[in-house]
Amino acid sequence: MDDLKTIAVSRILLDNFDHIKSYWVTMGEETASMALHFGADDLDGTIGEEKIMHAALSKSPAGLARGKLERLIRDAGMVPAERDALYNLVREREPEEAALAR
């Protein structure tokens, strides 16, 4: 709950920040997904092999596949979008209903 409160307060107080990350490696997948409703707008990517947090004995996965990351975002009721390091939109993923209709 403290992580979610921190995200919410950050969104309110850091009004000069365009984006607030919810880092799934430190928060865990489910909490990071929930943070999208508390003011976060970024789950921070498909890390191939995270080493720093795991050296500190993090229990999260060492990496997260694109499909799993998209599922976490969709489960939160949001539409996944790929962006570059400067938050420019690279590609917005289609809504799940359209993907399933194919």
N, C-alpha and C. Protein backbone atom coordinates (compact mmCIF):
# COMPACT_ATOMS: atom_id res chain seq x y z
N MET A 1 0.82 -1.18 0.00
CA MET A 1 0.00 0.00 0.00
C MET A 1 0.87 1.25 0.00
N ASP A 2 2.02 1.19 0.68
CA ASP A 2 2.90 2.36 0.71
C ASP A 2 3.39 2.73 -0.69
N ASP A 3 3.69 1.74 -1.52
CA ASP A 3 4.12 2.02 -2.89
C ASP A 3 3.02 2.74 -3.67
N LEU A 4 1.79 2.30 -3.51
CA LEU A 4 0.68 2.92 -4.23
C LEU A 4 0.43 4.34 -3.73
N LYS A 5 0.55 4.56 -2.43
CA LYS A 5 0.40 5.91 -1.88
C LYS A 5 1.50 6.83 -2.40
N THR A 6 2.71 6.31 -2.49
CA THR A 6 3.83 7.11 -3.00
C THR A 6 3.58 7.51 -4.46
N ILE A 7 3.08 6.60 -5.27
CA ILE A 7 2.75 6.92 -6.66
C ILE A 7 1.68 8.00 -6.71
N ALA A 8 0.63 7.86 -5.91
CA ALA A 8 -0.47 8.83 -5.92
C ALA A 8 0.00 10.22 -5.48
N VAL A 9 0.76 10.28 -4.41
CA VAL A 9 1.26 11.57 -3.93
C VAL A 9 2.24 12.17 -4.94
N SER A 10 3.05 11.33 -5.57
CA SER A 10 3.98 11.80 -6.59
C SER A 10 3.24 12.45 -7.75
N ARG A 11 2.16 11.84 -8.18
CA ARG A 11 1.38 12.39 -9.29
C ARG A 11 0.82 13.77 -8.92
N ILE A 12 0.41 13.94 -7.67
CA ILE A 12 -0.16 15.22 -7.24
C ILE A 12 0.92 16.28 -7.05
N LEU A 13 1.97 15.94 -6.32
CA LEU A 13 2.99 16.92 -5.96
C LEU A 13 4.00 17.21 -7.06
N LEU A 14 4.28 16.23 -7.89
CA LEU A 14 5.26 16.41 -8.95
C LEU A 14 4.56 16.79 -10.25
N ASP A 15 3.76 17.85 -10.19
CA ASP A 15 2.96 18.23 -11.35
C ASP A 15 3.81 18.72 -12.52
N ASN A 16 5.08 18.98 -12.28
CA ASN A 16 5.98 19.37 -13.36
C ASN A 16 6.66 18.15 -14.00
N PHE A 17 6.33 16.94 -13.56
CA PHE A 17 6.82 15.70 -14.15
C PHE A 17 5.73 15.18 -15.09
N ASP A 18 6.10 14.96 -16.34
CA ASP A 18 5.12 14.46 -17.29
C ASP A 18 4.75 12.99 -17.06
N HIS A 19 5.70 12.22 -16.54
CA HIS A 19 5.48 10.78 -16.41
C HIS A 19 5.94 10.28 -15.05
N ILE A 20 5.18 9.34 -14.51
CA ILE A 20 5.51 8.67 -13.26
C ILE A 20 5.59 7.17 -13.56
N LYS A 21 6.73 6.58 -13.25
CA LYS A 21 6.94 5.15 -13.52
C LYS A 21 6.48 4.28 -12.36
N SER A 22 5.97 3.14 -12.71
CA SER A 22 5.68 2.09 -11.76
C SER A 22 6.60 0.93 -12.15
N TYR A 23 7.70 0.81 -11.46
CA TYR A 23 8.74 -0.15 -11.84
C TYR A 23 8.38 -1.53 -11.30
N TRP A 24 7.94 -2.40 -12.17
CA TRP A 24 7.44 -3.72 -11.77
C TRP A 24 8.51 -4.56 -11.08
N VAL A 25 9.78 -4.31 -11.36
CA VAL A 25 10.85 -5.09 -10.74
C VAL A 25 10.88 -4.85 -9.23
N THR A 26 10.68 -3.62 -8.81
CA THR A 26 10.74 -3.32 -7.38
C THR A 26 9.39 -3.46 -6.69
N MET A 27 8.31 -3.20 -7.41
CA MET A 27 6.98 -3.22 -6.80
C MET A 27 6.28 -4.56 -6.91
N GLY A 28 6.72 -5.39 -7.83
CA GLY A 28 6.01 -6.61 -8.14
C GLY A 28 5.02 -6.34 -9.26
N GLU A 29 4.70 -7.36 -10.02
CA GLU A 29 3.87 -7.20 -11.20
C GLU A 29 2.47 -6.69 -10.89
N GLU A 30 1.80 -7.28 -9.92
CA GLU A 30 0.42 -6.90 -9.63
C GLU A 30 0.32 -5.48 -9.05
N THR A 31 1.22 -5.13 -8.14
CA THR A 31 1.20 -3.79 -7.56
C THR A 31 1.52 -2.75 -8.62
N ALA A 32 2.48 -3.05 -9.49
CA ALA A 32 2.83 -2.12 -10.56
C ALA A 32 1.64 -1.90 -11.49
N SER A 33 0.90 -2.96 -11.78
CA SER A 33 -0.30 -2.84 -12.61
C SER A 33 -1.36 -1.98 -11.92
N MET A 34 -1.56 -2.19 -10.63
CA MET A 34 -2.52 -1.38 -9.87
C MET A 34 -2.11 0.08 -9.81
N ALA A 35 -0.81 0.34 -9.82
CA ALA A 35 -0.30 1.71 -9.74
C ALA A 35 -0.75 2.56 -10.92
N LEU A 36 -1.15 1.93 -12.03
CA LEU A 36 -1.67 2.67 -13.17
C LEU A 36 -2.95 3.41 -12.80
N HIS A 37 -3.64 2.96 -11.77
CA HIS A 37 -4.86 3.64 -11.29
C HIS A 37 -4.54 4.64 -10.18
N PHE A 38 -3.30 4.70 -9.76
CA PHE A 38 -2.88 5.61 -8.69
C PHE A 38 -2.03 6.75 -9.23
N GLY A 39 -1.92 6.86 -10.55
CA GLY A 39 -1.19 7.99 -11.13
C GLY A 39 0.00 7.63 -11.99
N ALA A 40 0.47 6.40 -11.95
CA ALA A 40 1.59 6.00 -12.81
C ALA A 40 1.08 5.88 -14.25
N ASP A 41 1.97 6.15 -15.20
CA ASP A 41 1.59 5.98 -16.60
C ASP A 41 2.63 5.17 -17.37
N ASP A 42 3.50 4.46 -16.66
CA ASP A 42 4.56 3.70 -17.31
C ASP A 42 4.94 2.51 -16.42
N LEU A 43 4.92 1.30 -17.01
CA LEU A 43 5.36 0.11 -16.28
C LEU A 43 6.83 -0.21 -16.53
N ASP A 44 7.50 0.59 -17.31
CA ASP A 44 8.94 0.52 -17.51
C ASP A 44 9.45 -0.76 -18.13
N GLY A 45 8.85 -1.15 -19.20
CA GLY A 45 9.45 -2.02 -20.17
C GLY A 45 9.72 -3.49 -19.95
N THR A 46 10.11 -4.08 -21.04
CA THR A 46 10.43 -5.50 -21.11
C THR A 46 11.92 -5.68 -20.88
N ILE A 47 12.31 -5.76 -19.67
CA ILE A 47 13.72 -5.90 -19.33
C ILE A 47 14.17 -7.31 -19.68
N GLY A 48 15.25 -7.41 -20.41
CA GLY A 48 15.76 -8.72 -20.82
C GLY A 48 16.30 -9.51 -19.65
N GLU A 49 17.13 -8.88 -18.85
CA GLU A 49 17.69 -9.54 -17.67
C GLU A 49 18.10 -8.48 -16.67
N GLU A 50 17.29 -8.26 -15.67
CA GLU A 50 17.56 -7.27 -14.64
C GLU A 50 18.53 -7.85 -13.63
N LYS A 51 19.58 -7.13 -13.28
CA LYS A 51 20.60 -7.68 -12.38
C LYS A 51 20.73 -6.92 -11.06
N ILE A 52 20.51 -5.62 -11.07
CA ILE A 52 20.77 -4.82 -9.88
C ILE A 52 19.83 -5.19 -8.73
N MET A 53 18.53 -5.19 -8.97
CA MET A 53 17.58 -5.52 -7.91
C MET A 53 17.70 -6.98 -7.48
N HIS A 54 18.06 -7.84 -8.41
CA HIS A 54 18.20 -9.25 -8.07
C HIS A 54 19.47 -9.53 -7.27
N ALA A 55 20.47 -8.69 -7.43
CA ALA A 55 21.65 -8.80 -6.58
C ALA A 55 21.28 -8.45 -5.14
N ALA A 56 20.21 -7.65 -4.99
CA ALA A 56 19.70 -7.30 -3.66
C ALA A 56 18.57 -8.24 -3.24
N LEU A 57 18.49 -9.41 -3.90
CA LEU A 57 17.55 -10.49 -3.57
C LEU A 57 16.09 -10.18 -3.88
N SER A 58 15.83 -9.41 -4.93
CA SER A 58 14.46 -9.16 -5.37
C SER A 58 13.81 -10.48 -5.75
N LYS A 59 12.54 -10.63 -5.46
CA LYS A 59 11.82 -11.86 -5.77
C LYS A 59 11.08 -11.77 -7.11
N SER A 60 11.14 -10.64 -7.78
CA SER A 60 10.46 -10.49 -9.07
C SER A 60 11.22 -11.26 -10.14
N PRO A 61 10.55 -11.52 -11.28
CA PRO A 61 11.25 -12.22 -12.36
C PRO A 61 12.45 -11.41 -12.86
N ALA A 62 13.43 -12.07 -13.44
CA ALA A 62 14.61 -11.38 -13.96
C ALA A 62 14.30 -10.66 -15.27
N GLY A 63 13.23 -11.02 -15.92
CA GLY A 63 12.80 -10.38 -17.16
C GLY A 63 11.31 -10.55 -17.33
N LEU A 64 10.74 -9.77 -18.23
CA LEU A 64 9.30 -9.84 -18.45
C LEU A 64 9.05 -9.74 -19.95
N ALA A 65 8.38 -10.72 -20.52
CA ALA A 65 8.10 -10.74 -21.95
C ALA A 65 7.06 -9.68 -22.30
N ARG A 66 7.11 -9.23 -23.54
CA ARG A 66 6.19 -8.20 -24.03
C ARG A 66 4.73 -8.60 -23.79
N GLY A 67 4.40 -9.84 -24.09
CA GLY A 67 3.01 -10.30 -23.92
C GLY A 67 2.54 -10.20 -22.48
N LYS A 68 3.39 -10.56 -21.53
CA LYS A 68 3.04 -10.48 -20.11
C LYS A 68 2.86 -9.03 -19.68
N LEU A 69 3.74 -8.16 -20.15
CA LEU A 69 3.64 -6.75 -19.82
C LEU A 69 2.35 -6.15 -20.39
N GLU A 70 2.03 -6.51 -21.61
CA GLU A 70 0.78 -6.04 -22.21
C GLU A 70 -0.43 -6.56 -21.43
N ARG A 71 -0.37 -7.79 -20.97
CA ARG A 71 -1.48 -8.36 -20.19
C ARG A 71 -1.66 -7.59 -18.88
N LEU A 72 -0.57 -7.26 -18.19
CA LEU A 72 -0.66 -6.48 -16.95
C LEU A 72 -1.32 -5.13 -17.20
N ILE A 73 -0.99 -4.50 -18.31
CA ILE A 73 -1.57 -3.20 -18.65
C ILE A 73 -3.04 -3.35 -19.00
N ARG A 74 -3.36 -4.35 -19.80
CA ARG A 74 -4.77 -4.58 -20.17
C ARG A 74 -5.61 -4.98 -18.96
N ASP A 75 -5.05 -5.79 -18.06
CA ASP A 75 -5.78 -6.19 -16.86
C ASP A 75 -6.11 -4.98 -15.99
N ALA A 76 -5.31 -3.93 -16.11
CA ALA A 76 -5.57 -2.68 -15.38
C ALA A 76 -6.58 -1.80 -16.13
N GLY A 77 -7.05 -2.28 -17.29
CA GLY A 77 -8.03 -1.52 -18.06
C GLY A 77 -7.42 -0.45 -18.95
N MET A 78 -6.13 -0.54 -19.20
CA MET A 78 -5.43 0.45 -20.01
C MET A 78 -5.03 -0.16 -21.36
N VAL A 79 -4.64 0.70 -22.30
CA VAL A 79 -4.19 0.26 -23.61
C VAL A 79 -2.67 0.37 -23.65
N PRO A 80 -1.97 -0.74 -23.90
CA PRO A 80 -0.50 -0.69 -23.96
C PRO A 80 -0.01 0.15 -25.13
N ALA A 81 1.09 0.84 -24.90
CA ALA A 81 1.72 1.62 -25.97
C ALA A 81 3.23 1.50 -25.82
N GLU A 82 3.92 1.34 -26.93
CA GLU A 82 5.37 1.30 -26.91
C GLU A 82 5.87 2.72 -27.16
N ARG A 83 6.88 3.13 -26.38
CA ARG A 83 7.43 4.47 -26.52
C ARG A 83 8.95 4.40 -26.48
N ASP A 84 9.59 5.46 -26.94
CA ASP A 84 11.04 5.49 -26.87
C ASP A 84 11.49 6.11 -25.55
N ALA A 85 12.79 6.30 -25.37
CA ALA A 85 13.33 6.81 -24.10
C ALA A 85 12.86 8.23 -23.77
N LEU A 86 12.39 8.97 -24.78
CA LEU A 86 11.91 10.33 -24.56
C LEU A 86 10.38 10.39 -24.51
N TYR A 87 9.74 9.23 -24.39
CA TYR A 87 8.30 9.08 -24.30
C TYR A 87 7.56 9.43 -25.58
N ASN A 88 8.25 9.41 -26.70
CA ASN A 88 7.57 9.57 -27.98
C ASN A 88 6.90 8.24 -28.33
N LEU A 89 5.68 8.32 -28.80
CA LEU A 89 4.94 7.10 -29.14
C LEU A 89 5.59 6.41 -30.32
N VAL A 90 5.91 5.14 -30.15
CA VAL A 90 6.45 4.33 -31.23
C VAL A 90 5.30 3.56 -31.86
N ARG A 91 4.49 2.93 -31.00
CA ARG A 91 3.36 2.15 -31.49
C ARG A 91 2.37 1.94 -30.35
N GLU A 92 1.11 2.22 -30.64
CA GLU A 92 0.07 1.90 -29.67
C GLU A 92 -0.48 0.54 -30.02
N ARG A 93 -0.60 -0.31 -29.03
CA ARG A 93 -1.12 -1.65 -29.26
C ARG A 93 -2.63 -1.55 -29.39
N GLU A 94 -3.18 -2.37 -30.23
CA GLU A 94 -4.63 -2.30 -30.42
C GLU A 94 -5.36 -2.81 -29.18
N PRO A 95 -6.57 -2.31 -28.96
CA PRO A 95 -7.35 -2.81 -27.83
C PRO A 95 -7.52 -4.33 -27.92
N GLU A 96 -7.66 -4.95 -26.79
CA GLU A 96 -7.70 -6.41 -26.71
C GLU A 96 -8.84 -7.00 -27.54
N GLU A 97 -9.99 -6.33 -27.57
CA GLU A 97 -11.13 -6.85 -28.32
C GLU A 97 -10.78 -6.99 -29.80
N ALA A 98 -10.07 -5.99 -30.35
CA ALA A 98 -9.68 -6.04 -31.76
C ALA A 98 -8.67 -7.16 -32.01
N ALA A 99 -7.75 -7.34 -31.07
CA ALA A 99 -6.75 -8.40 -31.22
C ALA A 99 -7.41 -9.77 -31.17
N LEU A 100 -8.40 -9.92 -30.31
CA LEU A 100 -9.07 -11.22 -30.18
C LEU A 100 -9.99 -11.52 -31.38
N ALA A 101 -10.47 -10.46 -32.05
CA ALA A 101 -11.38 -10.65 -33.17
C ALA A 101 -10.67 -11.18 -34.41
N ARG A 102 -9.36 -11.11 -34.44
CA ARG A 102 -8.62 -11.59 -35.61
C ARG A 102 -8.64 -13.07 -35.73
